[in-house]
């Protein structure tokens, strides 16, 4: 928890922030990413890179927009992430006559990284699940995942209807 604020105004801002869904979800996400990234370090990939790599493999031959939407990322962040994977020779893309449209494919090297990373991801996820069981039931854990998906869908819907 933060130290006492210097003014009532700062205290009010702090209270607003502490009850903000965005702030708390992002704080938890940063912590989780760090936890997973540390474990995936030995494979040489981050959790964000692995998510992109697996999405490209799952959505074989799809374009930037389709894959970035699937991941819940903006196109710019996706492109920045996929460029790293291309440099590492884990992904390749095929251009079309329209230079704005690319389809992506996981290379053999990319598949080897996925094969190494998935068991690590599963192990870390199981450790996290066991730790969560000290505080949450299995139903609570499923409910948490469902709730996060609902928040994601509501935020997409709200953004589209602005």
Protein backbone atom coordinates (compact mmCIF):
# COMPACT_ATOMS: atom_id res chain seq x y z
CA UNK A 1 0.00 0.00 0.00
CA UNK A 2 1.14 3.53 -0.68
CA UNK A 3 2.32 5.84 2.09
CA UNK A 4 -0.13 8.43 3.32
CA UNK A 5 -0.88 11.10 0.76
CA UNK A 6 0.10 14.73 1.26
CA UNK A 7 -3.36 16.17 0.63
CA UNK A 8 -7.03 15.22 0.63
CA UNK A 9 -7.01 15.69 -3.15
CA UNK A 10 -4.16 13.18 -3.55
CA UNK A 11 -5.92 10.80 -1.18
CA UNK A 12 -9.07 11.08 -3.26
CA UNK A 13 -7.11 10.34 -6.45
CA UNK A 14 -5.48 7.37 -4.76
CA UNK A 15 -8.87 5.99 -3.68
CA UNK A 16 -10.23 6.39 -7.19
CA UNK A 17 -7.19 4.62 -8.64
CA UNK A 18 -7.35 1.77 -6.11
CA UNK A 19 -11.00 1.10 -7.08
CA UNK A 20 -10.39 1.44 -10.84
CA UNK A 21 -10.84 -1.77 -12.82
CA UNK A 22 -8.25 -0.75 -15.41
CA UNK A 23 -5.58 0.06 -12.82
CA UNK A 24 -6.09 -3.15 -10.87
CA UNK A 25 -6.32 -5.45 -13.89
CA UNK A 26 -3.18 -3.89 -15.41
CA UNK A 27 -1.33 -4.15 -12.09
CA UNK A 28 -2.25 -7.84 -11.81
CA UNK A 29 -1.38 -8.41 -15.48
CA UNK A 30 2.08 -6.85 -15.08
CA UNK A 31 2.75 -9.03 -12.07
CA UNK A 32 1.57 -12.18 -13.87
CA UNK A 33 3.59 -11.35 -16.99
CA UNK A 34 6.71 -10.91 -14.89
CA UNK A 35 6.06 -14.25 -13.16
CA UNK A 36 5.60 -16.10 -16.47
CA UNK A 37 8.41 -14.22 -18.25
CA UNK A 38 10.92 -15.17 -15.57
CA UNK A 39 10.06 -18.84 -16.05
CA UNK A 40 10.07 -18.63 -19.85
CA UNK A 41 13.44 -16.87 -19.82
CA UNK A 42 15.26 -20.21 -20.03
CA UNK A 43 13.46 -20.92 -23.32
CA UNK A 44 14.36 -17.46 -24.67
CA UNK A 45 10.85 -16.12 -25.16
CA UNK A 46 8.49 -13.82 -23.25
CA UNK A 47 4.87 -14.61 -22.48
CA UNK A 48 3.78 -11.87 -24.90
CA UNK A 49 5.92 -13.29 -27.69
CA UNK A 50 4.63 -16.78 -26.97
CA UNK A 51 1.02 -15.56 -27.15
CA UNK A 52 1.67 -14.03 -30.57
CA UNK A 53 3.53 -17.12 -31.78
CA UNK A 54 0.78 -19.52 -30.67
CA UNK A 55 -1.94 -17.25 -32.12
CA UNK A 56 -0.17 -17.19 -35.49
CA UNK A 57 0.12 -20.98 -35.39
CA UNK A 58 -3.54 -21.37 -34.41
CA UNK A 59 -4.77 -18.88 -37.05
CA UNK A 60 -2.57 -20.24 -39.82
CA UNK A 61 -2.26 -17.87 -42.77
CA UNK A 62 -4.41 -15.10 -41.27
CA UNK A 63 -3.62 -11.41 -41.56
CA UNK A 64 -2.52 -8.76 -39.08
CA UNK A 65 -6.02 -7.54 -38.27
CA UNK A 66 -7.44 -10.99 -37.60
CA UNK A 67 -4.57 -12.08 -35.37
CA UNK A 68 -4.30 -8.80 -33.46
CA UNK A 69 -8.07 -8.84 -32.78
CA UNK A 70 -7.86 -12.44 -31.59
CA UNK A 71 -5.12 -11.41 -29.14
CA UNK A 72 -6.97 -8.26 -28.06
CA UNK A 73 -4.03 -6.13 -29.24
CA UNK A 74 -3.91 -3.05 -31.40
CA UNK A 75 -2.31 -3.58 -34.82
CA UNK A 76 0.76 -1.47 -33.99
CA UNK A 77 1.61 -3.51 -30.88
CA UNK A 78 1.08 -6.74 -32.79
CA UNK A 79 3.33 -5.63 -35.66
CA UNK A 80 6.04 -4.52 -33.22
CA UNK A 81 5.86 -7.94 -31.52
CA UNK A 82 5.76 -9.97 -34.72
CA UNK A 83 8.80 -8.13 -36.12
CA UNK A 84 10.83 -9.53 -33.21
CA UNK A 85 9.57 -13.04 -34.00
CA UNK A 86 10.48 -12.59 -37.67
CA UNK A 87 14.02 -11.46 -36.72
CA UNK A 88 14.37 -14.58 -34.55
CA UNK A 89 13.25 -16.69 -37.53
CA UNK A 90 10.23 -17.99 -35.63
CA UNK A 91 7.68 -16.43 -37.99
CA UNK A 92 7.61 -15.52 -41.65
CA UNK A 93 5.09 -13.53 -43.59
CA UNK A 94 3.81 -13.58 -47.12
CA UNK A 95 2.98 -10.29 -48.74
CA UNK A 96 0.32 -9.78 -51.35
CA UNK A 97 0.04 -7.24 -54.13
CA UNK A 98 -1.51 -5.01 -51.45
CA UNK A 99 1.52 -4.23 -49.24
CA UNK A 100 -0.79 -3.54 -46.28
CA UNK A 101 -1.95 -7.16 -46.14
CA UNK A 102 0.31 -9.91 -44.83
CA UNK A 103 -0.36 -13.46 -43.77
CA UNK A 104 1.85 -15.03 -41.13
CA UNK A 105 3.20 -18.55 -40.64
CA UNK A 106 5.22 -20.13 -37.83
CA UNK A 107 8.56 -21.51 -39.03
CA UNK A 108 10.11 -24.81 -38.00
CA UNK A 109 12.24 -22.91 -35.46
CA UNK A 110 9.10 -21.23 -34.16
CA UNK A 111 7.43 -24.61 -33.68
CA UNK A 112 10.47 -25.83 -31.73
CA UNK A 113 10.19 -22.81 -29.42
CA UNK A 114 6.47 -23.49 -28.90
CA UNK A 115 7.25 -27.13 -28.05
CA UNK A 116 9.84 -26.01 -25.47
CA UNK A 117 7.76 -23.18 -24.03
CA UNK A 118 4.34 -24.84 -23.62
CA UNK A 119 5.46 -27.31 -20.90
CA UNK A 120 7.03 -24.40 -18.99
CA UNK A 121 3.85 -22.37 -19.39
CA UNK A 122 1.74 -25.31 -18.19
CA UNK A 123 4.01 -25.87 -15.18
CA UNK A 124 3.93 -22.22 -14.13
CA UNK A 125 0.19 -22.06 -14.68
CA UNK A 126 -0.28 -25.14 -12.47
CA UNK A 127 1.89 -23.58 -9.73
CA UNK A 128 -0.21 -20.44 -9.92
CA UNK A 129 -3.43 -22.48 -9.81
CA UNK A 130 -2.18 -24.34 -6.70
CA UNK A 131 -1.30 -21.04 -5.01
CA UNK A 132 -4.68 -19.60 -5.91
CA UNK A 133 -6.41 -22.60 -4.31
CA UNK A 134 -5.26 -21.24 -0.95
CA UNK A 135 -7.62 -18.33 -1.57
CA UNK A 136 -10.10 -19.46 -4.23
CA UNK A 137 -12.06 -22.62 -4.98
CA UNK A 138 -11.83 -24.26 -8.41
CA UNK A 139 -15.20 -22.70 -9.23
CA UNK A 140 -13.84 -19.30 -8.15
CA UNK A 141 -10.85 -19.74 -10.48
CA UNK A 142 -13.14 -20.61 -13.41
CA UNK A 143 -15.34 -17.67 -12.43
CA UNK A 144 -12.33 -15.36 -12.41
CA UNK A 145 -11.42 -16.38 -15.98
CA UNK A 146 -15.05 -15.99 -17.05
CA UNK A 147 -15.24 -12.57 -15.37
CA UNK A 148 -12.07 -11.39 -17.12
CA UNK A 149 -13.51 -12.50 -20.46
CA UNK A 150 -16.75 -10.62 -19.71
CA UNK A 151 -14.78 -7.47 -18.84
CA UNK A 152 -12.86 -7.85 -22.12
CA UNK A 153 -16.05 -8.23 -24.16
CA UNK A 154 -17.80 -5.33 -22.43
CA UNK A 155 -14.81 -3.03 -23.01
CA UNK A 156 -14.72 -3.99 -26.72
CA UNK A 157 -18.44 -3.37 -27.03
CA UNK A 158 -18.20 -0.01 -25.24
CA UNK A 159 -15.29 1.05 -27.44
CA UNK A 160 -17.26 0.15 -30.59
CA UNK A 161 -20.32 2.12 -29.47
CA UNK A 162 -18.59 5.38 -28.56
